[in-house]
Protein backbone atom coordinates (compact mmCIF):
# COMPACT_ATOMS: atom_id res chain seq x y z
CA UNK A 1 36.82 0.91 -53.38
CA UNK A 2 37.02 -2.81 -53.49
CA UNK A 3 34.75 -5.36 -51.83
CA UNK A 4 37.11 -5.96 -48.92
CA UNK A 5 37.32 -2.25 -48.04
CA UNK A 6 33.54 -1.93 -48.36
CA UNK A 7 33.09 -4.89 -45.98
CA UNK A 8 35.45 -3.26 -43.47
CA UNK A 9 33.64 0.05 -43.66
CA UNK A 10 30.28 -1.73 -43.13
CA UNK A 11 31.67 -3.74 -40.22
CA UNK A 12 32.94 -0.54 -38.53
CA UNK A 13 29.62 1.22 -39.25
CA UNK A 14 27.66 -1.70 -37.80
CA UNK A 15 29.83 -1.77 -34.66
CA UNK A 16 29.50 1.93 -34.27
CA UNK A 17 25.71 1.67 -34.58
CA UNK A 18 25.63 -1.05 -31.90
CA UNK A 19 27.75 1.04 -29.51
CA UNK A 20 25.62 4.10 -30.16
CA UNK A 21 22.44 2.11 -29.54
CA UNK A 22 23.81 0.75 -26.29
CA UNK A 23 24.84 4.25 -25.13
CA UNK A 24 21.41 5.70 -25.97
CA UNK A 25 19.72 2.83 -24.20
CA UNK A 26 21.85 3.31 -21.08
CA UNK A 27 21.12 7.04 -21.05
CA UNK A 28 17.40 6.34 -21.33
CA UNK A 29 17.44 3.75 -18.53
CA UNK A 30 19.50 5.94 -16.22
CA UNK A 31 17.18 8.90 -16.91
CA UNK A 32 14.08 6.88 -16.14
CA UNK A 33 15.64 5.46 -12.98
CA UNK A 34 16.43 8.99 -11.79
CA UNK A 35 12.88 10.13 -12.58
CA UNK A 36 11.43 7.17 -10.64
CA UNK A 37 13.73 7.85 -7.66
CA UNK A 38 12.72 11.54 -7.70
CA UNK A 39 9.04 10.52 -7.84
CA UNK A 40 9.47 8.17 -4.87
CA UNK A 41 11.31 10.87 -2.93
CA UNK A 42 8.63 13.44 -3.82
CA UNK A 43 5.89 10.94 -2.79
CA UNK A 44 7.47 10.28 0.58
CA UNK A 45 7.93 13.97 1.20
CA UNK A 46 4.38 14.79 0.13
CA UNK A 47 3.09 12.04 2.41
CA UNK A 48 3.99 14.47 5.18
CA UNK A 49 4.71 12.01 7.97
CA UNK A 50 7.30 13.64 10.26
CA UNK A 51 8.30 12.85 13.82
CA UNK A 52 6.94 15.65 16.00
CA UNK A 53 4.31 16.76 13.50
CA UNK A 54 0.64 16.94 14.51
CA UNK A 55 -1.32 13.87 13.34
CA UNK A 56 -4.89 14.42 12.19
CA UNK A 57 -7.57 13.33 14.66
CA UNK A 58 -9.39 10.05 14.17
CA UNK A 59 -13.05 10.03 15.10
CA UNK A 60 -13.66 7.95 18.20
CA UNK A 61 -10.04 8.00 19.33
CA UNK A 62 -8.98 10.43 22.02
CA UNK A 63 -5.16 10.55 22.00
CA UNK A 64 -5.22 12.13 25.52
CA UNK A 65 -6.66 8.94 27.03
CA UNK A 66 -3.60 6.87 26.21
CA UNK A 67 0.16 7.24 26.75
CA UNK A 68 0.54 6.29 23.06
CA UNK A 69 -1.81 5.42 20.19
CA UNK A 70 -0.44 2.87 17.77
CA UNK A 71 -2.24 3.22 14.49
CA UNK A 72 -1.98 0.41 11.91
CA UNK A 73 -2.85 1.55 8.41
CA UNK A 74 -3.40 -1.74 6.57
CA UNK A 75 -5.21 -3.29 3.60
CA UNK A 76 -6.67 -6.69 2.97
CA UNK A 77 -4.98 -6.75 -0.43
CA UNK A 78 -1.52 -5.97 0.94
CA UNK A 79 0.77 -8.98 1.18
CA UNK A 80 3.12 -7.14 3.55
CA UNK A 81 0.19 -6.37 5.83
CA UNK A 82 -0.84 -9.98 5.82
CA UNK A 83 2.73 -11.14 6.66
CA UNK A 84 2.78 -8.72 9.63
CA UNK A 85 -0.55 -10.03 10.98
CA UNK A 86 1.12 -12.18 13.69
CA UNK A 87 3.08 -9.12 14.86
CA UNK A 88 -0.11 -7.01 15.00
CA UNK A 89 -1.85 -9.73 17.04
CA UNK A 90 1.05 -9.95 19.47
CA UNK A 91 1.10 -6.15 19.92
CA UNK A 92 -2.62 -6.12 20.52
CA UNK A 93 -2.36 -8.82 23.20
CA UNK A 94 0.42 -6.88 24.95
CA UNK A 95 -1.60 -3.63 24.76
CA UNK A 96 -4.74 -5.33 26.08
CA UNK A 97 -2.82 -6.74 29.07
CA UNK A 98 -1.69 -3.32 30.18
CA UNK A 99 -3.43 -1.20 32.86
CA UNK A 100 -5.44 2.00 32.42
CA UNK A 101 -2.70 3.89 30.58
CA UNK A 102 -2.30 1.18 27.96
CA UNK A 103 -1.51 2.32 24.44
CA UNK A 104 -4.43 2.35 22.03
CA UNK A 105 -3.95 -0.05 19.15
CA UNK A 106 -6.26 0.54 16.20
CA UNK A 107 -6.35 -0.99 12.74
CA UNK A 108 -7.40 1.48 10.04
CA UNK A 109 -8.73 0.67 6.57
CA UNK A 110 -9.73 2.72 3.56
CA UNK A 111 -12.81 0.59 2.88
CA UNK A 112 -15.12 -1.72 4.74
CA UNK A 113 -14.52 -4.41 2.09
CA UNK A 114 -10.75 -4.25 2.81
CA UNK A 115 -11.42 -4.40 6.57
CA UNK A 116 -13.68 -7.47 6.20
CA UNK A 117 -11.04 -9.26 4.08
CA UNK A 118 -8.38 -8.61 6.71
CA UNK A 119 -10.70 -9.67 9.53
CA UNK A 120 -11.39 -12.92 7.64
CA UNK A 121 -7.62 -13.55 7.81
CA UNK A 122 -7.72 -13.36 11.63
CA UNK A 123 -7.35 -9.64 12.34
CA UNK A 124 -9.19 -9.38 15.66
CA UNK A 125 -7.86 -5.98 16.62
CA UNK A 126 -10.26 -3.03 17.07
CA UNK A 127 -10.55 -1.36 13.67
CA UNK A 128 -12.23 1.37 11.68
CA UNK A 129 -12.94 1.54 7.99
CA UNK A 130 -13.75 4.16 5.35
CA UNK A 131 -10.79 6.39 6.18
CA UNK A 132 -9.16 7.99 3.11
CA UNK A 133 -5.48 7.36 3.84
CA UNK A 134 -4.46 10.43 1.86
CA UNK A 135 -6.16 12.59 4.50
CA UNK A 136 -3.77 11.09 7.07
CA UNK A 137 -0.67 11.49 4.83
CA UNK A 138 -0.22 7.69 4.59
CA UNK A 139 2.05 6.92 1.60
CA UNK A 140 1.56 3.12 1.52
CA UNK A 141 0.43 0.08 3.45
CA UNK A 142 1.33 -1.09 5.88
CA UNK A 143 2.19 2.05 7.77
CA UNK A 144 2.41 2.13 11.58
CA UNK A 145 2.15 5.54 13.22
CA UNK A 146 2.74 6.06 16.97
CA UNK A 147 1.01 9.16 18.29
CA UNK A 148 1.54 10.68 21.78
CA UNK A 149 -1.12 12.17 24.09
CA UNK A 150 -0.74 15.55 22.42
CA UNK A 151 -1.56 14.12 19.03
CA UNK A 152 2.03 14.39 17.74
CA UNK A 153 3.82 11.63 15.83
CA UNK A 154 6.44 9.92 18.02
CA UNK A 155 7.62 7.59 15.26
CA UNK A 156 6.34 5.76 12.18
CA UNK A 157 7.26 2.89 9.91
CA UNK A 158 6.22 2.56 6.26
CA UNK A 159 6.32 -0.99 4.90
CA UNK A 160 6.72 -4.39 6.46
CA UNK A 161 7.98 -4.18 10.02
CA UNK A 162 11.62 -5.11 10.52
CA UNK A 163 12.77 -7.00 13.61
CA UNK A 164 14.09 -3.74 15.02
CA UNK A 165 10.73 -1.97 14.48
CA UNK A 166 8.90 -4.88 16.13
CA UNK A 167 11.19 -4.65 19.16
CA UNK A 168 10.71 -0.89 19.41
CA UNK A 169 6.91 -1.26 19.30
CA UNK A 170 7.04 -4.08 21.86
CA UNK A 171 9.14 -1.90 24.19
CA UNK A 172 6.53 0.87 23.95
CA UNK A 173 3.98 -1.63 25.28
CA UNK A 174 6.04 -2.79 28.27
């Protein structure tokens, strides 16, 4: 075998090694993406929030006293929660202006420190702290859960509120 043939063989082998490396890398990335998607799906299913399902009671809140109870699960360290603060304030003002059957609007926090941080940002909505969100099947913050008088979930939103979600919540308060 001469030098030219050896060079060609090495070039082909190098190209094949590059292609093989790219294929293996793609398989690994696709596999990990599928695992991550399955984990997210499993997490959202295990969170257990379902329209029509019974929502656990919250001490000090009687669902029967209100047409609806709008529960805001938020955190002082959550940038999406902070961005939704003006929406939460607006909802609270609308709820407060309603008559006797006004929906309850309650901010819920896992820790008192988180609640204090959010209050320092201007959260002047009635709130409770020291609630382990996992006990309420809350997958992430912010999560808004609307509960009816029977204690069943009417609807819920996980994540920053979209314009459509804002409108739906506002309509519930009218």
